[in-house]
Amino acid sequence: VQLVESGGGLVQPGGSLRLSCAASGFTFSRSAMSWYRQAPGKERELVALISSGFGRTNYADSVKGRFTISRDNAKNTVYLQMNSLKPEDTAVYYCNTNAGGYVAYWGQGTQVTVSS
C-alpha cells in the first residue's frame, strides 16, 4: 500500500488549497479513505472521511462547511478541498486508509500553513 499526498503549501487566511492523495497497492474503490491532520504539540485528528461505494462523507465539526472530501476511483485518488482557511488549520495533513483490512496505512504527510 502506498499513499502519496500533495498540494500543501502556504496560504493566507481566507484562502483555499486542494490536497490530493494518490493511492496504490490495494483495491481503492472498495476502501474508505480519510484525511487526518496534526498540528505542533497536538494529537493527530480526523478531518474528513469518505466511504467506498456511495461515497458517504463525514467531517470534523471544525471544518464542516469549509472542507470537502471527494474521490476519483478511476484515478485512485482522494481529494480534500479546503476553503476559507484559518490559521488554526495549520498542520501536517495525512491521507489514511485501512485498505479494507485491519491495518492503518498512512502517507508521508503534506504541510499546510495558513498565515498572513
N, C-alpha and C. Protein backbone atom coordinates (compact mmCIF):
# COMPACT_ATOMS: atom_id res chain seq x y z
N VAL A 1 0.85 -1.19 0.00
CA VAL A 1 0.00 0.00 0.00
C VAL A 1 0.89 1.24 0.00
N GLN A 2 0.56 2.16 -0.88
CA GLN A 2 1.29 3.42 -0.93
C GLN A 2 0.31 4.57 -1.05
N LEU A 3 0.52 5.58 -0.22
CA LEU A 3 -0.30 6.78 -0.24
C LEU A 3 0.64 7.98 -0.37
N VAL A 4 0.42 8.81 -1.38
CA VAL A 4 1.30 9.94 -1.63
C VAL A 4 0.47 11.21 -1.68
N GLU A 5 0.67 12.08 -0.67
CA GLU A 5 -0.07 13.34 -0.61
C GLU A 5 0.67 14.43 -1.37
N SER A 6 -0.09 15.39 -1.85
CA SER A 6 0.47 16.58 -2.48
C SER A 6 -0.52 17.72 -2.36
N GLY A 7 -0.04 18.93 -2.65
CA GLY A 7 -0.93 20.09 -2.69
C GLY A 7 -0.84 21.03 -1.51
N GLY A 8 -0.04 20.70 -0.51
CA GLY A 8 0.09 21.60 0.62
C GLY A 8 0.89 22.83 0.26
N GLY A 9 0.94 23.77 1.21
CA GLY A 9 1.70 24.99 0.98
C GLY A 9 1.32 26.07 1.94
N LEU A 10 1.77 27.29 1.63
CA LEU A 10 1.48 28.47 2.44
C LEU A 10 0.34 29.24 1.79
N VAL A 11 -0.66 29.59 2.57
CA VAL A 11 -1.80 30.32 2.05
C VAL A 11 -2.24 31.34 3.10
N GLN A 12 -2.79 32.45 2.63
CA GLN A 12 -3.28 33.48 3.55
C GLN A 12 -4.63 33.08 4.14
N PRO A 13 -4.95 33.59 5.30
CA PRO A 13 -6.29 33.34 5.87
C PRO A 13 -7.39 33.70 4.88
N GLY A 14 -8.39 32.82 4.79
CA GLY A 14 -9.46 33.01 3.83
C GLY A 14 -9.21 32.38 2.48
N GLY A 15 -8.01 31.90 2.27
CA GLY A 15 -7.64 31.29 1.00
C GLY A 15 -8.06 29.84 0.91
N SER A 16 -7.68 29.21 -0.21
CA SER A 16 -8.06 27.83 -0.50
C SER A 16 -6.86 27.01 -0.94
N LEU A 17 -6.95 25.73 -0.67
CA LEU A 17 -5.99 24.75 -1.16
C LEU A 17 -6.74 23.47 -1.47
N ARG A 18 -6.19 22.69 -2.41
CA ARG A 18 -6.73 21.35 -2.66
C ARG A 18 -5.62 20.34 -2.48
N LEU A 19 -5.81 19.43 -1.55
CA LEU A 19 -4.87 18.35 -1.32
C LEU A 19 -5.29 17.14 -2.15
N SER A 20 -4.30 16.39 -2.59
CA SER A 20 -4.54 15.15 -3.32
C SER A 20 -3.77 14.02 -2.65
N CYS A 21 -4.32 12.82 -2.74
CA CYS A 21 -3.65 11.63 -2.23
C CYS A 21 -3.78 10.55 -3.29
N ALA A 22 -2.65 10.21 -3.91
CA ALA A 22 -2.62 9.15 -4.91
C ALA A 22 -2.35 7.82 -4.22
N ALA A 23 -3.23 6.85 -4.45
CA ALA A 23 -3.16 5.57 -3.76
C ALA A 23 -2.80 4.45 -4.72
N SER A 24 -2.11 3.44 -4.20
CA SER A 24 -1.77 2.27 -5.00
C SER A 24 -1.53 1.08 -4.09
N GLY A 25 -1.61 -0.10 -4.67
CA GLY A 25 -1.29 -1.32 -3.91
C GLY A 25 -2.48 -1.99 -3.24
N PHE A 26 -3.67 -1.48 -3.48
CA PHE A 26 -4.87 -2.09 -2.92
C PHE A 26 -6.06 -1.71 -3.79
N THR A 27 -7.22 -2.31 -3.51
CA THR A 27 -8.42 -2.03 -4.29
C THR A 27 -9.05 -0.74 -3.79
N PHE A 28 -8.67 0.35 -4.42
CA PHE A 28 -9.06 1.69 -3.94
C PHE A 28 -10.56 1.85 -3.87
N SER A 29 -11.26 1.42 -4.89
CA SER A 29 -12.71 1.66 -4.97
C SER A 29 -13.48 0.99 -3.85
N ARG A 30 -12.90 -0.03 -3.23
CA ARG A 30 -13.56 -0.77 -2.16
C ARG A 30 -13.11 -0.34 -0.77
N SER A 31 -12.34 0.73 -0.70
CA SER A 31 -11.76 1.14 0.57
C SER A 31 -12.20 2.54 0.96
N ALA A 32 -12.59 2.69 2.24
CA ALA A 32 -12.82 4.03 2.77
C ALA A 32 -11.49 4.77 2.85
N MET A 33 -11.57 6.08 2.69
CA MET A 33 -10.38 6.93 2.73
C MET A 33 -10.62 8.09 3.68
N SER A 34 -9.56 8.53 4.33
CA SER A 34 -9.68 9.60 5.32
C SER A 34 -8.53 10.59 5.18
N TRP A 35 -8.80 11.79 5.66
CA TRP A 35 -7.76 12.80 5.86
C TRP A 35 -7.68 13.09 7.36
N TYR A 36 -6.47 13.09 7.88
CA TYR A 36 -6.18 13.49 9.25
C TYR A 36 -5.24 14.68 9.20
N ARG A 37 -5.11 15.34 10.34
CA ARG A 37 -4.12 16.40 10.45
C ARG A 37 -3.52 16.39 11.86
N GLN A 38 -2.30 16.92 11.93
CA GLN A 38 -1.63 17.03 13.22
C GLN A 38 -0.89 18.35 13.28
N ALA A 39 -1.32 19.17 14.23
CA ALA A 39 -0.68 20.46 14.47
C ALA A 39 0.42 20.28 15.51
N PRO A 40 1.41 21.17 15.54
CA PRO A 40 2.51 21.06 16.51
C PRO A 40 1.98 20.99 17.93
N GLY A 41 2.44 19.99 18.67
CA GLY A 41 2.06 19.85 20.06
C GLY A 41 0.68 19.28 20.30
N LYS A 42 0.01 18.87 19.22
CA LYS A 42 -1.34 18.33 19.35
C LYS A 42 -1.40 16.91 18.81
N GLU A 43 -2.46 16.20 19.20
CA GLU A 43 -2.65 14.85 18.69
C GLU A 43 -3.20 14.89 17.26
N ARG A 44 -2.94 13.81 16.55
CA ARG A 44 -3.50 13.69 15.20
C ARG A 44 -5.01 13.57 15.29
N GLU A 45 -5.74 14.29 14.44
CA GLU A 45 -7.19 14.27 14.49
C GLU A 45 -7.78 13.98 13.12
N LEU A 46 -8.95 13.32 13.13
CA LEU A 46 -9.66 13.05 11.90
C LEU A 46 -10.29 14.33 11.37
N VAL A 47 -10.08 14.60 10.09
CA VAL A 47 -10.64 15.78 9.46
C VAL A 47 -11.87 15.41 8.63
N ALA A 48 -11.73 14.38 7.79
CA ALA A 48 -12.82 14.00 6.89
C ALA A 48 -12.66 12.56 6.47
N LEU A 49 -13.80 11.93 6.19
CA LEU A 49 -13.83 10.53 5.79
C LEU A 49 -14.79 10.37 4.63
N ILE A 50 -14.42 9.52 3.69
CA ILE A 50 -15.33 9.19 2.59
C ILE A 50 -15.36 7.67 2.45
N SER A 51 -16.57 7.13 2.39
CA SER A 51 -16.73 5.68 2.32
C SER A 51 -16.48 5.18 0.90
N SER A 52 -16.37 3.89 0.77
CA SER A 52 -16.36 3.28 -0.54
C SER A 52 -17.81 3.23 -1.03
N GLY A 53 -18.03 2.70 -2.18
CA GLY A 53 -19.40 2.57 -2.67
C GLY A 53 -20.04 3.91 -2.96
N PHE A 54 -21.02 4.30 -2.14
CA PHE A 54 -21.78 5.53 -2.39
C PHE A 54 -21.00 6.80 -2.05
N GLY A 55 -19.86 6.67 -1.41
CA GLY A 55 -19.05 7.83 -1.10
C GLY A 55 -19.66 8.73 -0.04
N ARG A 56 -20.23 8.12 0.99
CA ARG A 56 -20.76 8.94 2.09
C ARG A 56 -19.61 9.62 2.81
N THR A 57 -19.88 10.83 3.28
CA THR A 57 -18.82 11.64 3.89
C THR A 57 -19.15 12.04 5.32
N ASN A 58 -18.10 12.25 6.10
CA ASN A 58 -18.23 12.79 7.46
C ASN A 58 -17.09 13.76 7.69
N TYR A 59 -17.37 14.77 8.51
CA TYR A 59 -16.38 15.82 8.74
C TYR A 59 -16.27 16.14 10.23
N ALA A 60 -15.09 16.57 10.62
CA ALA A 60 -14.93 17.15 11.95
C ALA A 60 -15.74 18.44 12.02
N ASP A 61 -16.29 18.72 13.19
CA ASP A 61 -17.10 19.93 13.33
C ASP A 61 -16.32 21.18 12.95
N SER A 62 -15.04 21.17 13.21
CA SER A 62 -14.23 22.37 12.97
C SER A 62 -14.06 22.70 11.49
N VAL A 63 -14.35 21.76 10.60
CA VAL A 63 -14.15 22.01 9.17
C VAL A 63 -15.45 21.93 8.37
N LYS A 64 -16.56 21.57 9.01
CA LYS A 64 -17.83 21.45 8.29
C LYS A 64 -18.19 22.76 7.60
N GLY A 65 -18.61 22.66 6.35
CA GLY A 65 -18.97 23.83 5.58
C GLY A 65 -17.80 24.52 4.90
N ARG A 66 -16.58 24.12 5.24
CA ARG A 66 -15.39 24.73 4.63
C ARG A 66 -14.57 23.73 3.82
N PHE A 67 -14.54 22.48 4.27
CA PHE A 67 -13.74 21.45 3.60
C PHE A 67 -14.68 20.46 2.90
N THR A 68 -14.20 19.92 1.78
CA THR A 68 -14.95 18.89 1.06
C THR A 68 -14.01 17.77 0.66
N ILE A 69 -14.35 16.55 1.06
CA ILE A 69 -13.60 15.37 0.65
C ILE A 69 -14.29 14.73 -0.54
N SER A 70 -13.51 14.26 -1.49
CA SER A 70 -14.08 13.59 -2.66
C SER A 70 -13.08 12.54 -3.13
N ARG A 71 -13.55 11.68 -4.03
CA ARG A 71 -12.69 10.63 -4.54
C ARG A 71 -12.94 10.41 -6.02
N ASP A 72 -11.89 9.99 -6.72
CA ASP A 72 -12.00 9.62 -8.13
C ASP A 72 -11.46 8.20 -8.23
N ASN A 73 -12.37 7.24 -8.30
CA ASN A 73 -11.96 5.84 -8.31
C ASN A 73 -11.21 5.47 -9.59
N ALA A 74 -11.47 6.18 -10.67
CA ALA A 74 -10.75 5.92 -11.91
C ALA A 74 -9.27 6.31 -11.81
N LYS A 75 -9.00 7.28 -10.96
CA LYS A 75 -7.61 7.77 -10.79
C LYS A 75 -6.98 7.29 -9.48
N ASN A 76 -7.72 6.52 -8.70
CA ASN A 76 -7.22 6.04 -7.39
C ASN A 76 -6.71 7.21 -6.55
N THR A 77 -7.51 8.26 -6.50
CA THR A 77 -7.10 9.48 -5.83
C THR A 77 -8.24 10.01 -4.96
N VAL A 78 -7.88 10.49 -3.79
CA VAL A 78 -8.81 11.17 -2.90
C VAL A 78 -8.34 12.61 -2.73
N TYR A 79 -9.31 13.50 -2.63
CA TYR A 79 -9.01 14.94 -2.56
C TYR A 79 -9.58 15.55 -1.29
N LEU A 80 -8.98 16.66 -0.88
CA LEU A 80 -9.54 17.46 0.19
C LEU A 80 -9.50 18.92 -0.27
N GLN A 81 -10.67 19.44 -0.61
CA GLN A 81 -10.78 20.85 -0.98
C GLN A 81 -10.99 21.65 0.29
N MET A 82 -10.10 22.59 0.54
CA MET A 82 -10.13 23.38 1.76
C MET A 82 -10.35 24.85 1.41
N ASN A 83 -11.47 25.39 1.84
CA ASN A 83 -11.81 26.79 1.59
C ASN A 83 -11.88 27.55 2.90
N SER A 84 -11.87 28.87 2.80
CA SER A 84 -11.97 29.73 3.99
C SER A 84 -10.99 29.29 5.07
N LEU A 85 -9.78 29.09 4.68
CA LEU A 85 -8.78 28.56 5.62
C LEU A 85 -8.49 29.55 6.73
N LYS A 86 -8.23 28.98 7.91
CA LYS A 86 -7.95 29.76 9.11
C LYS A 86 -6.56 29.39 9.64
N PRO A 87 -5.94 30.27 10.41
CA PRO A 87 -4.63 29.92 10.98
C PRO A 87 -4.65 28.62 11.77
N GLU A 88 -5.78 28.32 12.41
CA GLU A 88 -5.86 27.08 13.20
C GLU A 88 -5.95 25.83 12.33
N ASP A 89 -6.05 25.99 11.02
CA ASP A 89 -5.99 24.84 10.12
C ASP A 89 -4.55 24.44 9.82
N THR A 90 -3.60 25.23 10.27
CA THR A 90 -2.19 24.92 10.05
C THR A 90 -1.83 23.58 10.70
N ALA A 91 -1.29 22.68 9.89
CA ALA A 91 -0.97 21.33 10.36
C ALA A 91 -0.32 20.55 9.22
N VAL A 92 0.19 19.39 9.57
CA VAL A 92 0.56 18.40 8.55
C VAL A 92 -0.67 17.55 8.30
N TYR A 93 -1.04 17.42 7.05
CA TYR A 93 -2.23 16.66 6.66
C TYR A 93 -1.81 15.31 6.10
N TYR A 94 -2.47 14.26 6.59
CA TYR A 94 -2.13 12.89 6.22
C TYR A 94 -3.33 12.20 5.58
N CYS A 95 -3.04 11.41 4.59
CA CYS A 95 -4.02 10.52 3.97
C CYS A 95 -3.97 9.18 4.70
N ASN A 96 -5.13 8.55 4.84
CA ASN A 96 -5.21 7.31 5.62
C ASN A 96 -6.20 6.34 5.01
N THR A 97 -5.88 5.06 5.11
CA THR A 97 -6.84 4.01 4.76
C THR A 97 -6.47 2.74 5.52
N ASN A 98 -7.44 1.85 5.67
CA ASN A 98 -7.13 0.52 6.17
C ASN A 98 -7.20 -0.51 5.03
N ALA A 99 -7.40 0.02 3.81
CA ALA A 99 -7.38 -0.84 2.61
C ALA A 99 -8.31 -2.04 2.75
N GLY A 100 -9.40 -1.85 3.49
CA GLY A 100 -10.37 -2.92 3.65
C GLY A 100 -10.01 -3.94 4.71
N GLY A 101 -8.88 -3.73 5.38
CA GLY A 101 -8.45 -4.69 6.40
C GLY A 101 -8.42 -4.07 7.78
N TYR A 102 -7.44 -4.48 8.59
CA TYR A 102 -7.36 -4.03 9.99
C TYR A 102 -6.10 -3.24 10.28
N VAL A 103 -5.29 -2.99 9.27
CA VAL A 103 -4.05 -2.24 9.45
C VAL A 103 -4.24 -0.84 8.90
N ALA A 104 -3.79 0.17 9.64
CA ALA A 104 -3.87 1.54 9.18
C ALA A 104 -2.63 1.89 8.38
N TYR A 105 -2.86 2.47 7.20
CA TYR A 105 -1.78 2.92 6.34
C TYR A 105 -1.82 4.44 6.26
N TRP A 106 -0.63 5.04 6.24
CA TRP A 106 -0.52 6.49 6.23
C TRP A 106 0.40 6.95 5.11
N GLY A 107 0.12 8.13 4.59
CA GLY A 107 1.05 8.77 3.69
C GLY A 107 2.13 9.50 4.48
N GLN A 108 3.01 10.20 3.76
CA GLN A 108 4.12 10.89 4.41
C GLN A 108 3.70 12.25 4.96
N GLY A 109 2.55 12.72 4.54
CA GLY A 109 2.04 13.99 5.02
C GLY A 109 2.42 15.15 4.13
N THR A 110 1.58 16.19 4.16
CA THR A 110 1.87 17.42 3.42
C THR A 110 1.55 18.60 4.34
N GLN A 111 2.47 19.57 4.38
CA GLN A 111 2.34 20.69 5.30
C GLN A 111 1.39 21.74 4.73
N VAL A 112 0.45 22.17 5.55
CA VAL A 112 -0.42 23.29 5.23
C VAL A 112 -0.19 24.38 6.27
N THR A 113 0.17 25.55 5.81
CA THR A 113 0.40 26.69 6.70
C THR A 113 -0.49 27.84 6.28
N VAL A 114 -1.30 28.30 7.23
CA VAL A 114 -2.22 29.42 6.97
C VAL A 114 -1.73 30.61 7.78
N SER A 115 -1.22 31.59 7.06
CA SER A 115 -0.62 32.74 7.74
C SER A 115 -0.57 33.93 6.81
N SER A 116 -0.68 35.11 7.40
CA SER A 116 -0.57 36.33 6.61
C SER A 116 0.87 36.85 6.65
